[in-house]
Amino acid sequence: MKANRKKIPIGKFPLRLMPSVRRVAEEFSLKEGVSLNQFINVAVAEKLVHLQHEAWLASRPEPSSAIVSRGLAALDRPAINPPDPWDELPDEFESIRISEEYKKAARSE
């Protein structure tokens, strides 16, 4: 009796690239110090991550005004540690949240 064996996919995939695309990919792979195979693997992985992120953004629910309000309230809480000198806001900075336009928009949500 034969055992049901699942076929294990082979890691090889013949890929045909236009000569101009291959030439540019080879140039960049040399600059990056990686093989053309590794360069193409990373390029495909980056594209897949981008597509997955777009799909996630399209499928997630819109944030409710309650969630936005809670987030803004968290940002308004005083920090435990003061900001580093290079992270401080300039003296002339004025938060948009104190403007009448913002308050009016916040009330309408």
C-alpha atoms as a PDB file:
ATOM      1  CA  MET A   1       0.000   0.000   0.000  1.00  0.00           C
ATOM      2  CA  LYS A   2       1.373   3.370  -1.041  1.00  0.00           C
ATOM      3  CA  ALA A   3       1.494   6.126   1.539  1.00  0.00           C
ATOM      4  CA  ASN A   4      -0.030   9.435   0.558  1.00  0.00           C
ATOM      5  CA  ARG A   5       2.955  11.690   0.178  1.00  0.00           C
ATOM      6  CA  LYS A   6       2.569  15.389  -0.212  1.00  0.00           C
ATOM      7  CA  LYS A   7       4.740  16.944  -2.843  1.00  0.00           C
ATOM      8  CA  ILE A   8       7.279  19.274  -1.358  1.00  0.00           C
ATOM      9  CA  PRO A   9       7.640  22.381  -3.494  1.00  0.00           C
ATOM     10  CA  ILE A  10      11.091  22.860  -4.920  1.00  0.00           C
ATOM     11  CA  GLY A  11      12.659  26.229  -4.227  1.00  0.00           C
ATOM     12  CA  LYS A  12      13.528  26.764  -7.860  1.00  0.00           C
ATOM     13  CA  PHE A  13      11.387  28.959 -10.050  1.00  0.00           C
ATOM     14  CA  PRO A  14      12.378  29.762 -13.610  1.00  0.00           C
ATOM     15  CA  LEU A  15      11.994  33.482 -14.104  1.00  0.00           C
ATOM     16  CA  ARG A  16      12.147  35.320 -17.387  1.00  0.00           C
ATOM     17  CA  LEU A  17      13.028  38.967 -17.134  1.00  0.00           C
ATOM     18  CA  MET A  18      13.169  41.467 -19.930  1.00  0.00           C
ATOM     19  CA  PRO A  19      16.839  42.084 -20.753  1.00  0.00           C
ATOM     20  CA  SER A  20      16.641  45.729 -19.661  1.00  0.00           C
ATOM     21  CA  VAL A  21      15.060  44.789 -16.321  1.00  0.00           C
ATOM     22  CA  ARG A  22      17.620  42.068 -15.725  1.00  0.00           C
ATOM     23  CA  ARG A  23      20.487  44.437 -16.558  1.00  0.00           C
ATOM     24  CA  VAL A  24      19.278  47.061 -14.064  1.00  0.00           C
ATOM     25  CA  ALA A  25      18.587  44.410 -11.420  1.00  0.00           C
ATOM     26  CA  GLU A  26      22.091  43.004 -11.886  1.00  0.00           C
ATOM     27  CA  GLU A  27      23.597  46.482 -11.531  1.00  0.00           C
ATOM     28  CA  PHE A  28      21.738  47.132  -8.286  1.00  0.00           C
ATOM     29  CA  SER A  29      22.490  43.675  -6.906  1.00  0.00           C
ATOM     30  CA  LEU A  30      26.190  44.333  -7.510  1.00  0.00           C
ATOM     31  CA  LYS A  31      25.928  47.711  -5.754  1.00  0.00           C
ATOM     32  CA  GLU A  32      24.154  46.019  -2.826  1.00  0.00           C
ATOM     33  CA  GLY A  33      26.757  43.247  -2.741  1.00  0.00           C
ATOM     34  CA  VAL A  34      24.226  40.431  -3.071  1.00  0.00           C
ATOM     35  CA  SER A  35      23.448  37.867  -5.721  1.00  0.00           C
ATOM     36  CA  LEU A  36      20.815  38.582  -8.345  1.00  0.00           C
ATOM     37  CA  ASN A  37      18.730  35.803  -6.805  1.00  0.00           C
ATOM     38  CA  GLN A  38      18.886  37.407  -3.348  1.00  0.00           C
ATOM     39  CA  PHE A  39      18.125  40.834  -4.798  1.00  0.00           C
ATOM     40  CA  ILE A  40      15.014  39.511  -6.585  1.00  0.00           C
ATOM     41  CA  ASN A  41      13.921  37.652  -3.424  1.00  0.00           C
ATOM     42  CA  VAL A  42      14.099  40.859  -1.391  1.00  0.00           C
ATOM     43  CA  ALA A  43      12.330  42.871  -4.109  1.00  0.00           C
ATOM     44  CA  VAL A  44       9.461  40.370  -4.259  1.00  0.00           C
ATOM     45  CA  ALA A  45       9.258  40.247  -0.447  1.00  0.00           C
ATOM     46  CA  GLU A  46       9.079  44.058  -0.257  1.00  0.00           C
ATOM     47  CA  LYS A  47       6.308  44.139  -2.859  1.00  0.00           C
ATOM     48  CA  LEU A  48       4.340  41.438  -1.007  1.00  0.00           C
ATOM     49  CA  VAL A  49       4.606  43.330   2.277  1.00  0.00           C
ATOM     50  CA  HIS A  50       3.329  46.455   0.523  1.00  0.00           C
ATOM     51  CA  LEU A  51       0.369  44.559  -0.960  1.00  0.00           C
ATOM     52  CA  GLN A  52      -0.432  42.888   2.369  1.00  0.00           C
ATOM     53  CA  HIS A  53      -0.386  46.266   4.103  1.00  0.00           C
ATOM     54  CA  GLU A  54      -2.733  47.744   1.509  1.00  0.00           C
ATOM     55  CA  ALA A  55      -5.102  44.782   1.963  1.00  0.00           C
ATOM     56  CA  TRP A  56      -4.991  45.223   5.740  1.00  0.00           C
ATOM     57  CA  LEU A  57      -5.722  48.952   5.435  1.00  0.00           C
ATOM     58  CA  ALA A  58      -8.675  48.256   3.146  1.00  0.00           C
ATOM     59  CA  SER A  59     -10.146  45.642   5.498  1.00  0.00           C
ATOM     60  CA  ARG A  60      -9.722  47.340   8.857  1.00  0.00           C
ATOM     61  CA  PRO A  61     -12.690  49.161  10.340  1.00  0.00           C
ATOM     62  CA  GLU A  62     -12.735  52.932  10.296  1.00  0.00           C
ATOM     63  CA  PRO A  63     -11.729  54.383  13.664  1.00  0.00           C
ATOM     64  CA  SER A  64     -14.679  55.664  15.638  1.00  0.00           C
ATOM     65  CA  SER A  65     -14.704  59.147  17.117  1.00  0.00           C
ATOM     66  CA  ALA A  66     -14.481  57.537  20.571  1.00  0.00           C
ATOM     67  CA  ILE A  67     -11.226  55.797  19.630  1.00  0.00           C
ATOM     68  CA  VAL A  68      -9.833  59.001  18.126  1.00  0.00           C
ATOM     69  CA  SER A  69     -10.814  60.935  21.259  1.00  0.00           C
ATOM     70  CA  ARG A  70      -9.109  58.381  23.510  1.00  0.00           C
ATOM     71  CA  GLY A  71      -5.974  58.595  21.374  1.00  0.00           C
ATOM     72  CA  LEU A  72      -5.906  62.382  21.507  1.00  0.00           C
ATOM     73  CA  ALA A  73      -6.481  62.288  25.267  1.00  0.00           C
ATOM     74  CA  ALA A  74      -3.495  59.966  25.631  1.00  0.00           C
ATOM     75  CA  LEU A  75      -1.361  62.402  23.645  1.00  0.00           C
ATOM     76  CA  ASP A  76      -2.480  65.265  25.894  1.00  0.00           C
ATOM     77  CA  ARG A  77      -1.339  63.532  29.098  1.00  0.00           C
ATOM     78  CA  PRO A  78       1.859  64.951  30.551  1.00  0.00           C
ATOM     79  CA  ALA A  79       4.943  62.908  29.777  1.00  0.00           C
ATOM     80  CA  ILE A  80       6.761  61.056  32.531  1.00  0.00           C
ATOM     81  CA  ASN A  81      10.113  62.165  31.148  1.00  0.00           C
ATOM     82  CA  PRO A  82      10.769  65.548  29.598  1.00  0.00           C
ATOM     83  CA  PRO A  83      11.590  65.536  25.873  1.00  0.00           C
ATOM     84  CA  ASP A  84      15.205  65.503  24.809  1.00  0.00           C
ATOM     85  CA  PRO A  85      16.476  68.971  23.848  1.00  0.00           C
ATOM     86  CA  TRP A  86      16.237  68.208  20.117  1.00  0.00           C
ATOM     87  CA  ASP A  87      12.658  66.887  20.492  1.00  0.00           C
ATOM     88  CA  GLU A  88      11.119  69.991  22.022  1.00  0.00           C
ATOM     89  CA  LEU A  89       8.535  71.939  20.064  1.00  0.00           C
ATOM     90  CA  PRO A  90       9.550  75.415  18.912  1.00  0.00           C
ATOM     91  CA  ASP A  91       8.291  78.301  21.065  1.00  0.00           C
ATOM     92  CA  GLU A  92       6.048  79.577  18.243  1.00  0.00           C
ATOM     93  CA  PHE A  93       4.303  76.190  17.871  1.00  0.00           C
ATOM     94  CA  GLU A  94       0.561  76.303  18.474  1.00  0.00           C
ATOM     95  CA  SER A  95      -1.488  73.134  18.598  1.00  0.00           C
ATOM     96  CA  ILE A  96      -4.248  72.851  16.040  1.00  0.00           C
ATOM     97  CA  ARG A  97      -6.438  71.363  18.771  1.00  0.00           C
ATOM     98  CA  ILE A  98      -6.887  74.752  20.428  1.00  0.00           C
ATOM     99  CA  SER A  99      -8.214  76.345  17.243  1.00  0.00           C
ATOM    100  CA  GLU A 100     -11.939  77.010  16.890  1.00  0.00           C
ATOM    101  CA  GLU A 101     -11.985  75.167  13.566  1.00  0.00           C
ATOM    102  CA  TYR A 102     -10.688  72.000  15.241  1.00  0.00           C
ATOM    103  CA  LYS A 103     -13.095  72.270  18.167  1.00  0.00           C
ATOM    104  CA  LYS A 104     -16.012  72.743  15.788  1.00  0.00           C
ATOM    105  CA  ALA A 105     -14.975  69.698  13.736  1.00  0.00           C
ATOM    106  CA  ALA A 106     -14.511  67.618  16.895  1.00  0.00           C
ATOM    107  CA  ARG A 107     -18.030  68.507  18.094  1.00  0.00           C
ATOM    108  CA  SER A 108     -19.595  67.491  14.763  1.00  0.00           C
ATOM    109  CA  GLU A 109     -18.198  63.909  14.933  1.00  0.00           C
END
